[in-house]
Protein backbone atom coordinates (compact mmCIF):
# COMPACT_ATOMS: atom_id res chain seq x y z
CA MET A 1 0.00 0.00 0.00
CA LYS A 2 1.05 3.55 -0.62
CA THR A 3 -0.34 6.65 1.10
CA VAL A 4 -0.44 10.03 -0.61
CA THR A 5 -1.34 13.18 1.33
CA ILE A 6 -3.55 15.55 -0.64
CA ASP A 7 -3.83 18.20 2.09
CA LYS A 8 -4.02 18.32 5.89
CA ASP A 9 -7.56 16.85 5.83
CA VAL A 10 -7.29 14.35 2.98
CA SER A 11 -5.05 11.43 2.09
CA ILE A 12 -5.55 8.51 -0.21
CA VAL A 13 -4.20 5.01 0.14
CA TYR A 14 -3.45 3.03 -3.00
CA LYS A 15 -4.10 -0.69 -2.55
CA PRO A 16 -3.48 -3.71 -4.77
CA ILE A 17 -6.44 -5.28 -6.54
CA PRO A 18 -6.82 -9.04 -6.77
CA PRO A 19 -5.65 -9.89 -10.31
CA LEU A 20 -8.52 -12.33 -10.73
CA ALA A 21 -10.98 -9.45 -10.23
CA VAL A 22 -9.71 -7.83 -13.43
CA SER A 23 -10.09 -11.11 -15.34
CA ALA A 24 -13.56 -11.67 -13.89
CA ILE A 25 -14.72 -8.25 -15.07
CA GLN A 26 -13.31 -8.88 -18.54
CA VAL A 27 -14.99 -12.29 -18.80
CA ASN A 28 -18.32 -11.07 -17.40
CA TYR A 29 -18.37 -8.03 -19.68
CA SER A 30 -17.52 -10.14 -22.73
CA LYS A 31 -20.31 -12.61 -21.94
CA LYS A 32 -22.89 -9.85 -21.67
CA ASN A 33 -21.41 -7.80 -24.51
CA PRO A 34 -19.76 -9.98 -27.15
CA LYS A 35 -16.79 -8.27 -28.77
CA PRO A 36 -17.65 -7.13 -32.30
CA GLU A 37 -16.24 -9.33 -35.02
CA LYS A 38 -14.06 -7.80 -37.69
CA PRO A 39 -15.56 -7.75 -41.17
CA THR A 40 -14.00 -10.25 -43.54
CA TYR A 41 -13.27 -10.60 -47.22
CA GLU A 42 -12.58 -13.60 -49.41
CA PHE A 43 -10.12 -14.23 -52.18
CA SER A 44 -9.13 -17.19 -54.32
CA ALA A 45 -5.71 -18.69 -53.80
CA ALA A 46 -3.74 -21.06 -55.96
CA GLY A 47 -5.65 -24.19 -56.81
CA GLY A 48 -9.02 -22.44 -56.51
CA VAL A 49 -9.07 -22.49 -52.70
CA THR A 50 -11.13 -19.66 -51.22
CA ILE A 51 -9.51 -17.96 -48.25
CA ARG A 52 -11.32 -15.73 -45.79
CA GLN A 53 -9.34 -12.94 -44.08
CA ASP A 54 -10.21 -10.26 -41.57
CA HIS A 55 -10.34 -6.76 -42.95
CA ASP A 56 -8.18 -4.03 -41.50
CA GLU A 57 -8.02 -0.34 -42.35
CA THR A 58 -5.68 -1.10 -45.28
CA THR A 59 -7.81 -3.76 -46.98
CA VAL A 60 -11.11 -1.93 -47.43
CA SER A 61 -11.59 -0.55 -50.90
CA THR A 62 -15.24 -0.45 -51.97
CA ASP A 63 -17.74 2.01 -50.51
CA GLU A 64 -19.62 -0.90 -48.93
CA GLU A 65 -16.43 -2.25 -47.33
CA LYS A 66 -15.54 1.22 -46.04
CA LYS A 67 -19.01 1.63 -44.53
CA THR A 68 -18.86 -1.83 -42.92
CA TRP A 69 -15.36 -1.13 -41.58
CA GLN A 70 -16.45 2.19 -40.07
CA GLU A 71 -19.45 0.51 -38.41
CA TYR A 72 -17.08 -2.09 -36.95
CA VAL A 73 -14.69 0.58 -35.66
CA THR A 74 -17.60 2.40 -33.97
CA LYS A 75 -18.86 -0.81 -32.33
CA GLU A 76 -15.33 -1.81 -31.25
CA THR A 77 -14.74 1.64 -29.72
CA THR A 78 -18.04 1.45 -27.84
CA TRP A 79 -17.19 -2.05 -26.61
CA GLN A 80 -13.70 -1.01 -25.44
CA THR A 81 -15.11 2.08 -23.71
CA GLY A 82 -17.62 -0.04 -21.78
CA LEU A 83 -14.94 -2.45 -20.62
CA THR A 84 -12.56 0.36 -19.68
CA GLU A 85 -15.28 2.09 -17.63
CA ARG A 86 -15.88 -1.09 -15.63
CA LEU A 87 -12.19 -1.62 -15.02
CA MET A 88 -11.78 2.01 -13.94
CA MET A 89 -14.65 1.54 -11.47
CA LEU A 90 -12.80 -1.45 -10.02
CA PHE A 91 -9.58 0.53 -9.67
CA LEU A 92 -11.23 3.62 -8.20
CA CYS A 93 -13.51 1.74 -5.78
CA GLU A 94 -11.30 -1.16 -4.69
CA GLY A 95 -7.82 0.21 -5.27
CA ILE A 96 -8.19 3.49 -3.40
CA GLU A 97 -9.15 4.24 0.18
CA ILE A 98 -9.95 7.87 0.96
CA LYS A 99 -9.07 9.13 4.42
CA VAL A 100 -10.84 12.43 5.00
CA SER A 101 -11.56 14.46 8.13
CA ASP A 102 -15.18 14.72 9.23
CA LYS A 103 -15.05 18.47 8.69
CA LYS A 104 -13.88 18.13 5.08
CA LYS A 105 -16.36 15.31 4.40
CA LYS A 106 -19.26 17.47 5.59
CA LEU A 107 -18.06 20.30 3.36
CA TRP A 108 -17.77 17.96 0.37
CA ASP A 109 -21.22 16.48 1.00
CA LYS A 110 -22.75 19.94 1.26
CA ARG A 111 -21.20 20.91 -2.07
CA LEU A 112 -22.26 17.65 -3.73
CA GLU A 113 -25.86 18.03 -2.53
CA ARG A 114 -26.18 20.90 -5.01
CA TYR A 115 -25.94 18.37 -7.83
CA TYR A 116 -26.85 14.94 -6.45
CA ASP A 117 -29.33 13.27 -4.14
CA LEU A 118 -26.74 11.80 -1.79
CA GLU A 119 -29.28 9.66 0.05
CA ASP A 120 -29.59 7.45 -3.04
CA LEU A 121 -25.84 6.84 -3.27
CA ASP A 122 -23.95 3.95 -1.72
CA GLN A 123 -20.39 4.27 -0.39
CA ASP A 124 -18.79 3.36 -3.73
CA ASP A 125 -20.84 6.00 -5.55
CA LYS A 126 -19.84 8.61 -2.98
CA GLN A 127 -16.20 7.60 -3.22
CA LEU A 128 -16.32 8.00 -6.99
CA LEU A 129 -17.85 11.45 -6.62
CA TYR A 130 -15.21 12.48 -4.08
CA LEU A 131 -12.43 11.25 -6.37
CA GLN A 132 -13.88 12.79 -9.53
CA THR A 133 -14.92 16.09 -7.99
CA PHE A 134 -12.39 16.91 -5.30
CA ILE A 135 -9.28 14.73 -5.57
CA PHE A 136 -8.42 13.93 -9.20
CA LYS A 137 -8.69 17.12 -11.19
CA THR A 138 -6.92 15.97 -14.35
CA THR A 139 -6.71 12.88 -16.52
CA GLY A 140 -3.01 12.72 -15.65
CA GLU A 141 -3.84 12.35 -11.96
CA ILE A 142 -6.22 9.47 -12.69
CA GLU A 143 -3.56 7.88 -14.91
CA ARG A 144 -0.93 8.11 -12.16
CA ALA A 145 -3.36 6.62 -9.62
CA THR A 146 -4.22 3.75 -11.95
CA LYS A 147 -0.53 3.03 -12.59
CA GLU A 148 0.19 3.06 -8.83
CA ILE A 149 -2.59 0.53 -8.22
CA MET A 150 -1.48 -1.63 -11.14
CA ALA A 151 2.12 -1.60 -9.88
CA LEU A 152 0.97 -2.62 -6.37
CA THR A 153 -1.09 -5.39 -7.95
CA GLY A 154 2.02 -6.75 -9.67
CA VAL A 155 1.24 -5.75 -13.24
CA GLN A 156 4.28 -5.90 -15.52
CA GLU A 157 5.94 -2.71 -16.83
CA GLU A 158 4.81 -3.30 -20.43
CA ASP A 159 1.20 -3.64 -19.26
CA LEU A 160 1.57 -0.38 -17.32
CA GLU A 161 2.70 1.28 -20.53
CA ALA A 162 -0.26 -0.22 -22.40
CA ALA A 163 -2.58 1.21 -19.71
CA GLU A 164 -1.51 4.68 -20.79
CA SER A 165 -3.53 4.16 -23.97
CA LEU A 166 -6.69 4.12 -21.84
CA PHE A 167 -6.24 7.83 -21.24
């Protein structure tokens, strides 16, 4: 665990996440939301054998193929965004503990009540609001927090670098 002091009333503790939790989210999300399949094309090879290949951005040529490819890209982006949001929720809810003075918490709640009905929120929802509204003010801060949690979890350096693409 690693503690970071934000100010005299607030600190956050980064904690490792069980690696199987990440896998479970990925599997569960994929079951409920199958990953879009790439469009394919066929061509004849030597001996008259027909071969089917996945398209990529370099193999689309007709207007129909371009339209199909763009639809795939949109669906793939939506799918990736949904998975990333769930993984971020895991990191922000399970990988961070907020330590805040009662005085500061009352001030935060009073400010949040302008925008939200706090009675309807559970502890995780409140934590997310605290993090998003008062603690992490930039994407870079969220990125650093995520990398800290991933490092504590034992994620390899190359995977940490790949995580940067989420931001």
